[in-house]
Amino acid sequence: LGFLGNEAVAVYRIRVGRKIGSAALVADGLHARTDGF
């Protein structure tokens, strides 16, 4: 459950971060991905 929740958040943050050009939001998505790991 923790992995799926974090990965879903990671994908969403990274997608929005790329769309608006925010490196910080992409990094926050990667942070969620590490917690998923």
PDB file of all heavy atoms in Angstrom:
ATOM      1  N   LEU A   1       0.834  -1.203   0.000  1.00  0.00           N
ATOM      2  CA  LEU A   1       0.000   0.000   0.000  1.00  0.00           C
ATOM      3  C   LEU A   1       0.871   1.256   0.000  1.00  0.00           C
ATOM      4  O   LEU A   1       0.611   2.219  -0.747  1.00  0.00           O
ATOM      5  CB  LEU A   1      -0.912   0.002   1.230  1.00  0.00           C
ATOM      6  CG  LEU A   1      -1.759   1.268   1.437  1.00  0.00           C
ATOM      7  CD1 LEU A   1      -2.749   1.445   0.294  1.00  0.00           C
ATOM      8  CD2 LEU A   1      -2.498   1.202   2.776  1.00  0.00           C
ATOM      9  N   GLY A   2       1.921   1.249   0.826  1.00  0.00           N
ATOM     10  CA  GLY A   2       2.818   2.394   0.876  1.00  0.00           C
ATOM     11  C   GLY A   2       3.509   2.638  -0.456  1.00  0.00           C
ATOM     12  O   GLY A   2       3.644   3.783  -0.902  1.00  0.00           O
ATOM     13  N   PHE A   3       3.930   1.554  -1.101  1.00  0.00           N
ATOM     14  CA  PHE A   3       4.594   1.689  -2.400  1.00  0.00           C
ATOM     15  C   PHE A   3       3.639   2.251  -3.449  1.00  0.00           C
ATOM     16  O   PHE A   3       3.986   3.186  -4.181  1.00  0.00           O
ATOM     17  CB  PHE A   3       5.130   0.336  -2.855  1.00  0.00           C
ATOM     18  CG  PHE A   3       5.608   0.342  -4.288  1.00  0.00           C
ATOM     19  CD1 PHE A   3       6.787   0.983  -4.640  1.00  0.00           C
ATOM     20  CD2 PHE A   3       4.863  -0.280  -5.279  1.00  0.00           C
ATOM     21  CE1 PHE A   3       7.224   1.002  -5.961  1.00  0.00           C
ATOM     22  CE2 PHE A   3       5.282  -0.265  -6.600  1.00  0.00           C
ATOM     23  CZ  PHE A   3       6.476   0.377  -6.936  1.00  0.00           C
ATOM     24  N   LEU A   4       2.425   1.690  -3.517  1.00  0.00           N
ATOM     25  CA  LEU A   4       1.465   2.145  -4.530  1.00  0.00           C
ATOM     26  C   LEU A   4       1.063   3.599  -4.306  1.00  0.00           C
ATOM     27  O   LEU A   4       0.964   4.379  -5.259  1.00  0.00           O
ATOM     28  CB  LEU A   4       0.225   1.244  -4.504  1.00  0.00           C
ATOM     29  CG  LEU A   4       0.448  -0.214  -4.944  1.00  0.00           C
ATOM     30  CD1 LEU A   4      -0.843  -1.007  -4.794  1.00  0.00           C
ATOM     31  CD2 LEU A   4       0.953  -0.275  -6.379  1.00  0.00           C
ATOM     32  N   GLY A   5       0.839   3.965  -3.027  1.00  0.00           N
ATOM     33  CA  GLY A   5       0.459   5.346  -2.735  1.00  0.00           C
ATOM     34  C   GLY A   5       1.560   6.335  -3.107  1.00  0.00           C
ATOM     35  O   GLY A   5       1.308   7.358  -3.745  1.00  0.00           O
ATOM     36  N   ASN A   6       2.799   6.002  -2.734  1.00  0.00           N
ATOM     37  CA  ASN A   6       3.916   6.889  -3.043  1.00  0.00           C
ATOM     38  C   ASN A   6       4.190   6.960  -4.537  1.00  0.00           C
ATOM     39  O   ASN A   6       4.499   8.038  -5.068  1.00  0.00           O
ATOM     40  CB  ASN A   6       5.177   6.414  -2.315  1.00  0.00           C
ATOM     41  CG  ASN A   6       5.250   6.923  -0.892  1.00  0.00           C
ATOM     42  OD1 ASN A   6       5.534   8.085  -0.640  1.00  0.00           O
ATOM     43  ND2 ASN A   6       4.977   6.039   0.060  1.00  0.00           N
ATOM     44  N   GLU A   7       4.093   5.837  -5.229  1.00  0.00           N
ATOM     45  CA  GLU A   7       4.369   5.840  -6.668  1.00  0.00           C
ATOM     46  C   GLU A   7       3.307   6.635  -7.419  1.00  0.00           C
ATOM     47  O   GLU A   7       3.625   7.363  -8.377  1.00  0.00           O
ATOM     48  CB  GLU A   7       4.439   4.404  -7.197  1.00  0.00           C
ATOM     49  CG  GLU A   7       4.775   4.294  -8.670  1.00  0.00           C
ATOM     50  CD  GLU A   7       6.118   4.898  -9.048  1.00  0.00           C
ATOM     51  OE1 GLU A   7       6.972   5.080  -8.155  1.00  0.00           O
ATOM     52  OE2 GLU A   7       6.311   5.202 -10.241  1.00  0.00           O
ATOM     53  N   ALA A   8       2.044   6.514  -6.997  1.00  0.00           N
ATOM     54  CA  ALA A   8       0.984   7.291  -7.640  1.00  0.00           C
ATOM     55  C   ALA A   8       1.242   8.789  -7.463  1.00  0.00           C
ATOM     56  O   ALA A   8       1.113   9.579  -8.406  1.00  0.00           O
ATOM     57  CB  ALA A   8      -0.381   6.912  -7.051  1.00  0.00           C
ATOM     58  N   VAL A   9       1.629   9.185  -6.249  1.00  0.00           N
ATOM     59  CA  VAL A   9       1.942  10.589  -5.982  1.00  0.00           C
ATOM     60  C   VAL A   9       3.167  11.021  -6.780  1.00  0.00           C
ATOM     61  O   VAL A   9       3.220  12.131  -7.324  1.00  0.00           O
ATOM     62  CB  VAL A   9       2.160  10.810  -4.476  1.00  0.00           C
ATOM     63  CG1 VAL A   9       2.809  12.162  -4.206  1.00  0.00           C
ATOM     64  CG2 VAL A   9       0.836  10.703  -3.727  1.00  0.00           C
ATOM     65  N   ALA A  10       4.179  10.134  -6.873  1.00  0.00           N
ATOM     66  CA  ALA A  10       5.396  10.454  -7.616  1.00  0.00           C
ATOM     67  C   ALA A  10       5.088  10.720  -9.080  1.00  0.00           C
ATOM     68  O   ALA A  10       5.546  11.712  -9.659  1.00  0.00           O
ATOM     69  CB  ALA A  10       6.407   9.319  -7.478  1.00  0.00           C
ATOM     70  N   VAL A  11       4.306   9.839  -9.689  1.00  0.00           N
ATOM     71  CA  VAL A  11       3.957  10.004 -11.098  1.00  0.00           C
ATOM     72  C   VAL A  11       3.207  11.307 -11.325  1.00  0.00           C
ATOM     73  O   VAL A  11       3.478  12.054 -12.277  1.00  0.00           O
ATOM     74  CB  VAL A  11       3.115   8.803 -11.588  1.00  0.00           C
ATOM     75  CG1 VAL A  11       2.539   9.070 -12.974  1.00  0.00           C
ATOM     76  CG2 VAL A  11       3.969   7.537 -11.607  1.00  0.00           C
ATOM     77  N   TYR A  12       2.287  11.619 -10.415  1.00  0.00           N
ATOM     78  CA  TYR A  12       1.475  12.834 -10.553  1.00  0.00           C
ATOM     79  C   TYR A  12       2.333  14.090 -10.394  1.00  0.00           C
ATOM     80  O   TYR A  12       2.268  15.024 -11.193  1.00  0.00           O
ATOM     81  CB  TYR A  12       0.363  12.803  -9.507  1.00  0.00           C
ATOM     82  CG  TYR A  12      -0.567  14.003  -9.541  1.00  0.00           C
ATOM     83  CD1 TYR A  12      -1.127  14.444 -10.736  1.00  0.00           C
ATOM     84  CD2 TYR A  12      -0.879  14.688  -8.374  1.00  0.00           C
ATOM     85  CE1 TYR A  12      -1.981  15.535 -10.759  1.00  0.00           C
ATOM     86  CE2 TYR A  12      -1.736  15.775  -8.390  1.00  0.00           C
ATOM     87  CZ  TYR A  12      -2.281  16.195  -9.587  1.00  0.00           C
ATOM     88  OH  TYR A  12      -3.116  17.278  -9.612  1.00  0.00           O
ATOM     89  N   ARG A  13       3.171  14.114  -9.354  1.00  0.00           N
ATOM     90  CA  ARG A  13       4.021  15.282  -9.130  1.00  0.00           C
ATOM     91  C   ARG A  13       4.995  15.495 -10.291  1.00  0.00           C
ATOM     92  O   ARG A  13       5.193  16.626 -10.743  1.00  0.00           O
ATOM     93  CB  ARG A  13       4.809  15.121  -7.832  1.00  0.00           C
ATOM     94  CG  ARG A  13       3.998  15.341  -6.568  1.00  0.00           C
ATOM     95  CD  ARG A  13       4.876  15.113  -5.343  1.00  0.00           C
ATOM     96  NE  ARG A  13       4.165  15.377  -4.090  1.00  0.00           N
ATOM     97  CZ  ARG A  13       4.666  15.140  -2.887  1.00  0.00           C
ATOM     98  NH1 ARG A  13       5.879  14.634  -2.776  1.00  0.00           N
ATOM     99  NH2 ARG A  13       3.958  15.413  -1.792  1.00  0.00           N
ATOM    100  N   ILE A  14       5.605  14.410 -10.752  1.00  0.00           N
ATOM    101  CA  ILE A  14       6.577  14.529 -11.841  1.00  0.00           C
ATOM    102  C   ILE A  14       5.886  15.014 -13.117  1.00  0.00           C
ATOM    103  O   ILE A  14       6.413  15.861 -13.839  1.00  0.00           O
ATOM    104  CB  ILE A  14       7.287  13.179 -12.071  1.00  0.00           C
ATOM    105  CG1 ILE A  14       8.211  12.869 -10.881  1.00  0.00           C
ATOM    106  CG2 ILE A  14       8.090  13.200 -13.376  1.00  0.00           C
ATOM    107  CD1 ILE A  14       8.806  11.476 -10.911  1.00  0.00           C
ATOM    108  N   ARG A  15       4.693  14.479 -13.394  1.00  0.00           N
ATOM    109  CA  ARG A  15       3.973  14.879 -14.611  1.00  0.00           C
ATOM    110  C   ARG A  15       3.627  16.366 -14.570  1.00  0.00           C
ATOM    111  O   ARG A  15       3.865  17.093 -15.540  1.00  0.00           O
ATOM    112  CB  ARG A  15       2.700  14.048 -14.769  1.00  0.00           C
ATOM    113  CG  ARG A  15       1.868  14.419 -15.998  1.00  0.00           C
ATOM    114  CD  ARG A  15       0.716  13.465 -16.191  1.00  0.00           C
ATOM    115  NE  ARG A  15      -0.211  13.494 -15.074  1.00  0.00           N
ATOM    116  CZ  ARG A  15      -1.173  14.406 -14.925  1.00  0.00           C
ATOM    117  NH1 ARG A  15      -1.309  15.379 -15.814  1.00  0.00           N
ATOM    118  NH2 ARG A  15      -1.994  14.360 -13.895  1.00  0.00           N
ATOM    119  N   VAL A  16       3.093  16.837 -13.444  1.00  0.00           N
ATOM    120  CA  VAL A  16       2.739  18.251 -13.333  1.00  0.00           C
ATOM    121  C   VAL A  16       4.002  19.111 -13.323  1.00  0.00           C
ATOM    122  O   VAL A  16       4.044  20.183 -13.935  1.00  0.00           O
ATOM    123  CB  VAL A  16       1.897  18.513 -12.068  1.00  0.00           C
ATOM    124  CG1 VAL A  16       1.637  20.004 -11.890  1.00  0.00           C
ATOM    125  CG2 VAL A  16       0.574  17.757 -12.144  1.00  0.00           C
ATOM    126  N   GLY A  17       5.055  18.639 -12.643  1.00  0.00           N
ATOM    127  CA  GLY A  17       6.302  19.384 -12.600  1.00  0.00           C
ATOM    128  C   GLY A  17       6.896  19.597 -13.975  1.00  0.00           C
ATOM    129  O   GLY A  17       7.371  20.688 -14.310  1.00  0.00           O
ATOM    130  N   ARG A  18       6.860  18.556 -14.805  1.00  0.00           N
ATOM    131  CA  ARG A  18       7.341  18.695 -16.179  1.00  0.00           C
ATOM    132  C   ARG A  18       6.473  19.669 -16.958  1.00  0.00           C
ATOM    133  O   ARG A  18       6.964  20.495 -17.730  1.00  0.00           O
ATOM    134  CB  ARG A  18       7.321  17.342 -16.884  1.00  0.00           C
ATOM    135  CG  ARG A  18       8.350  16.338 -16.403  1.00  0.00           C
ATOM    136  CD  ARG A  18       8.111  15.039 -17.132  1.00  0.00           C
ATOM    137  NE  ARG A  18       9.007  13.992 -16.685  1.00  0.00           N
ATOM    138  CZ  ARG A  18       8.845  12.710 -17.008  1.00  0.00           C
ATOM    139  NH1 ARG A  18       7.803  12.357 -17.757  1.00  0.00           N
ATOM    140  NH2 ARG A  18       9.706  11.806 -16.596  1.00  0.00           N
ATOM    141  N   LYS A  19       5.169  19.561 -16.760  1.00  0.00           N
ATOM    142  CA  LYS A  19       4.240  20.384 -17.541  1.00  0.00           C
ATOM    143  C   LYS A  19       4.444  21.872 -17.279  1.00  0.00           C
ATOM    144  O   LYS A  19       4.447  22.680 -18.210  1.00  0.00           O
ATOM    145  CB  LYS A  19       2.802  19.987 -17.207  1.00  0.00           C
ATOM    146  CG  LYS A  19       1.757  20.777 -17.986  1.00  0.00           C
ATOM    147  CD  LYS A  19       0.346  20.348 -17.607  1.00  0.00           C
ATOM    148  CE  LYS A  19      -0.692  21.181 -18.363  1.00  0.00           C
ATOM    149  NZ  LYS A  19      -2.070  20.837 -17.970  1.00  0.00           N
ATOM    150  N   ILE A  20       4.627  22.233 -16.003  1.00  0.00           N
ATOM    151  CA  ILE A  20       4.761  23.656 -15.685  1.00  0.00           C
ATOM    152  C   ILE A  20       6.214  24.100 -15.627  1.00  0.00           C
ATOM    153  O   ILE A  20       6.493  25.271 -15.409  1.00  0.00           O
ATOM    154  CB  ILE A  20       4.063  23.993 -14.350  1.00  0.00           C
ATOM    155  CG1 ILE A  20       4.783  23.350 -13.158  1.00  0.00           C
ATOM    156  CG2 ILE A  20       2.596  23.584 -14.390  1.00  0.00           C
ATOM    157  CD1 ILE A  20       4.227  23.767 -11.813  1.00  0.00           C
ATOM    158  N   GLY A  21       7.159  23.162 -15.824  1.00  0.00           N
ATOM    159  CA  GLY A  21       8.571  23.519 -15.834  1.00  0.00           C
ATOM    160  C   GLY A  21       9.178  23.689 -14.462  1.00  0.00           C
ATOM    161  O   GLY A  21      10.116  24.460 -14.282  1.00  0.00           O
ATOM    162  N   SER A  22       8.666  22.975 -13.442  1.00  0.00           N
ATOM    163  CA  SER A  22       9.154  23.115 -12.071  1.00  0.00           C
ATOM    164  C   SER A  22      10.098  21.973 -11.706  1.00  0.00           C
ATOM    165  O   SER A  22       9.663  20.843 -11.481  1.00  0.00           O
ATOM    166  CB  SER A  22       7.977  23.147 -11.090  1.00  0.00           C
ATOM    167  OG  SER A  22       8.443  23.124  -9.759  1.00  0.00           O
ATOM    168  N   ALA A  23      11.397  22.272 -11.623  1.00  0.00           N
ATOM    169  CA  ALA A  23      12.367  21.260 -11.221  1.00  0.00           C
ATOM    170  C   ALA A  23      12.142  20.839  -9.770  1.00  0.00           C
ATOM    171  O   ALA A  23      12.375  19.684  -9.404  1.00  0.00           O
ATOM    172  CB  ALA A  23      13.788  21.793 -11.404  1.00  0.00           C
ATOM    173  N   ALA A  24      11.691  21.781  -8.930  1.00  0.00           N
ATOM    174  CA  ALA A  24      11.463  21.472  -7.521  1.00  0.00           C
ATOM    175  C   ALA A  24      10.311  20.476  -7.352  1.00  0.00           C
ATOM    176  O   ALA A  24      10.387  19.561  -6.533  1.00  0.00           O
ATOM    177  CB  ALA A  24      11.169  22.747  -6.736  1.00  0.00           C
ATOM    178  N   LEU A  25       9.238  20.645  -8.126  1.00  0.00           N
ATOM    179  CA  LEU A  25       8.104  19.731  -8.029  1.00  0.00           C
ATOM    180  C   LEU A  25       8.484  18.346  -8.562  1.00  0.00           C
ATOM    181  O   LEU A  25       8.056  17.323  -8.016  1.00  0.00           O
ATOM    182  CB  LEU A  25       6.899  20.280  -8.800  1.00  0.00           C
ATOM    183  CG  LEU A  25       5.583  19.515  -8.649  1.00  0.00           C
ATOM    184  CD1 LEU A  25       5.208  19.348  -7.184  1.00  0.00           C
ATOM    185  CD2 LEU A  25       4.464  20.221  -9.403  1.00  0.00           C
ATOM    186  N   VAL A  26       9.310  18.297  -9.605  1.00  0.00           N
ATOM    187  CA  VAL A  26       9.809  17.009 -10.100  1.00  0.00           C
ATOM    188  C   VAL A  26      10.656  16.344  -9.017  1.00  0.00           C
ATOM    189  O   VAL A  26      10.538  15.133  -8.763  1.00  0.00           O
ATOM    190  CB  VAL A  26      10.631  17.197 -11.388  1.00  0.00           C
ATOM    191  CG1 VAL A  26      11.334  15.886 -11.766  1.00  0.00           C
ATOM    192  CG2 VAL A  26       9.728  17.647 -12.532  1.00  0.00           C
ATOM    193  N   ALA A  27      11.514  17.124  -8.343  1.00  0.00           N
ATOM    194  CA  ALA A  27      12.333  16.574  -7.265  1.00  0.00           C
ATOM    195  C   ALA A  27      11.465  16.051  -6.128  1.00  0.00           C
ATOM    196  O   ALA A  27      11.764  15.015  -5.526  1.00  0.00           O
ATOM    197  CB  ALA A  27      13.295  17.642  -6.741  1.00  0.00           C
ATOM    198  N   ASP A  28      10.364  16.754  -5.836  1.00  0.00           N
ATOM    199  CA  ASP A  28       9.454  16.293  -4.789  1.00  0.00           C
ATOM    200  C   ASP A  28       8.790  14.978  -5.209  1.00  0.00           C
ATOM    201  O   ASP A  28       8.541  14.098  -4.373  1.00  0.00           O
ATOM    202  CB  ASP A  28       8.401  17.364  -4.515  1.00  0.00           C
ATOM    203  CG  ASP A  28       7.830  17.269  -3.110  1.00  0.00           C
ATOM    204  OD1 ASP A  28       8.518  16.688  -2.238  1.00  0.00           O
ATOM    205  OD2 ASP A  28       6.723  17.764  -2.869  1.00  0.00           O
ATOM    206  N   GLY A  29       8.506  14.837  -6.503  1.00  0.00           N
ATOM    207  CA  GLY A  29       7.981  13.565  -6.997  1.00  0.00           C
ATOM    208  C   GLY A  29       8.996  12.449  -6.842  1.00  0.00           C
ATOM    209  O   GLY A  29       8.654  11.321  -6.465  1.00  0.00           O
ATOM    210  N   LEU A  30      10.255  12.750  -7.121  1.00  0.00           N
ATOM    211  CA  LEU A  30      11.308  11.747  -6.942  1.00  0.00           C
ATOM    212  C   LEU A  30      11.462  11.374  -5.467  1.00  0.00           C
ATOM    213  O   LEU A  30      11.767  10.225  -5.139  1.00  0.00           O
ATOM    214  CB  LEU A  30      12.623  12.280  -7.497  1.00  0.00           C
ATOM    215  CG  LEU A  30      12.680  12.458  -9.017  1.00  0.00           C
ATOM    216  CD1 LEU A  30      13.992  13.116  -9.429  1.00  0.00           C
ATOM    217  CD2 LEU A  30      12.521  11.120  -9.726  1.00  0.00           C
ATOM    218  N   HIS A  31      11.238  12.354  -4.592  1.00  0.00           N
ATOM    219  CA  HIS A  31      11.287  12.062  -3.157  1.00  0.00           C
ATOM    220  C   HIS A  31      10.194  11.057  -2.778  1.00  0.00           C
ATOM    221  O   HIS A  31      10.426  10.106  -2.021  1.00  0.00           O
ATOM    222  CB  HIS A  31      11.117  13.355  -2.361  1.00  0.00           C
ATOM    223  CG  HIS A  31      11.237  13.165  -0.881  1.00  0.00           C
ATOM    224  ND1 HIS A  31      10.589  13.960   0.028  1.00  0.00           N
ATOM    225  CD2 HIS A  31      11.912  12.244  -0.157  1.00  0.00           C
ATOM    226  CE1 HIS A  31      10.864  13.551   1.257  1.00  0.00           C
ATOM    227  NE2 HIS A  31      11.667  12.515   1.171  1.00  0.00           N
ATOM    228  N   ALA A  32       8.984  11.271  -3.310  1.00  0.00           N
ATOM    229  CA  ALA A  32       7.905  10.312  -3.052  1.00  0.00           C
ATOM    230  C   ALA A  32       8.275   8.931  -3.582  1.00  0.00           C
ATOM    231  O   ALA A  32       7.962   7.904  -2.970  1.00  0.00           O
ATOM    232  CB  ALA A  32       6.608  10.804  -3.700  1.00  0.00           C
ATOM    233  N   ARG A  33       8.968   8.904  -4.722  1.00  0.00           N
ATOM    234  CA  ARG A  33       9.381   7.616  -5.294  1.00  0.00           C
ATOM    235  C   ARG A  33      10.372   6.895  -4.389  1.00  0.00           C
ATOM    236  O   ARG A  33      10.310   5.674  -4.224  1.00  0.00           O
ATOM    237  CB  ARG A  33       9.975   7.843  -6.680  1.00  0.00           C
ATOM    238  CG  ARG A  33      10.462   6.597  -7.378  1.00  0.00           C
ATOM    239  CD  ARG A  33      10.558   6.819  -8.867  1.00  0.00           C
ATOM    240  NE  ARG A  33       9.231   6.829  -9.477  1.00  0.00           N
ATOM    241  CZ  ARG A  33       8.969   7.312 -10.685  1.00  0.00           C
ATOM    242  NH1 ARG A  33       9.939   7.856 -11.404  1.00  0.00           N
ATOM    243  NH2 ARG A  33       7.750   7.264 -11.173  1.00  0.00           N
ATOM    244  N   THR A  34      11.304   7.638  -3.780  1.00  0.00           N
ATOM    245  CA  THR A  34      12.258   6.992  -2.865  1.00  0.00           C
ATOM    246  C   THR A  34      11.535   6.414  -1.655  1.00  0.00           C
ATOM    247  O   THR A  34      11.892   5.342  -1.161  1.00  0.00           O
ATOM    248  CB  THR A  34      13.317   8.000  -2.375  1.00  0.00           C
ATOM    249  OG1 THR A  34      12.695   9.048  -1.642  1.00  0.00           O
ATOM    250  CG2 THR A  34      14.093   8.584  -3.542  1.00  0.00           C
ATOM    251  N   ASP A  35      10.509   7.108  -1.162  1.00  0.00           N
ATOM    252  CA  ASP A  35       9.742   6.576  -0.040  1.00  0.00           C
ATOM    253  C   ASP A  35       8.963   5.335  -0.456  1.00  0.00           C
ATOM    254  O   ASP A  35       8.744   4.413   0.341  1.00  0.00           O
ATOM    255  CB  ASP A  35       8.782   7.637   0.500  1.00  0.00           C
ATOM    256  CG  ASP A  35       9.515   8.720   1.287  1.00  0.00           C
ATOM    257  OD1 ASP A  35      10.710   8.517   1.561  1.00  0.00           O
ATOM    258  OD2 ASP A  35       8.907   9.730   1.612  1.00  0.00           O
ATOM    259  N   GLY A  36       8.541   5.309  -1.726  1.00  0.00           N
ATOM    260  CA  GLY A  36       7.891   4.103  -2.239  1.00  0.00           C
ATOM    261  C   GLY A  36       8.840   2.925  -2.240  1.00  0.00           C
ATOM    262  O   GLY A  36       8.457   1.787  -1.924  1.00  0.00           O
ATOM    263  N   PHE A  37      10.102   3.195  -2.577  1.00  0.00           N
ATOM    264  CA  PHE A  37      11.108   2.133  -2.545  1.00  0.00           C
ATOM    265  C   PHE A  37      11.278   1.591  -1.126  1.00  0.00           C
ATOM    266  O   PHE A  37      11.440   0.386  -0.914  1.00  0.00           O
ATOM    267  CB  PHE A  37      12.463   2.670  -3.032  1.00  0.00           C
ATOM    268  CG  PHE A  37      12.512   2.941  -4.521  1.00  0.00           C
ATOM    269  CD1 PHE A  37      13.456   3.815  -5.039  1.00  0.00           C
ATOM    270  CD2 PHE A  37      11.633   2.328  -5.389  1.00  0.00           C
ATOM    271  CE1 PHE A  37      13.513   4.071  -6.398  1.00  0.00           C
ATOM    272  CE2 PHE A  37      11.674   2.576  -6.751  1.00  0.00           C
ATOM    273  CZ  PHE A  37      12.619   3.448  -7.257  1.00  0.00           C
TER     274      PHE A  37
END
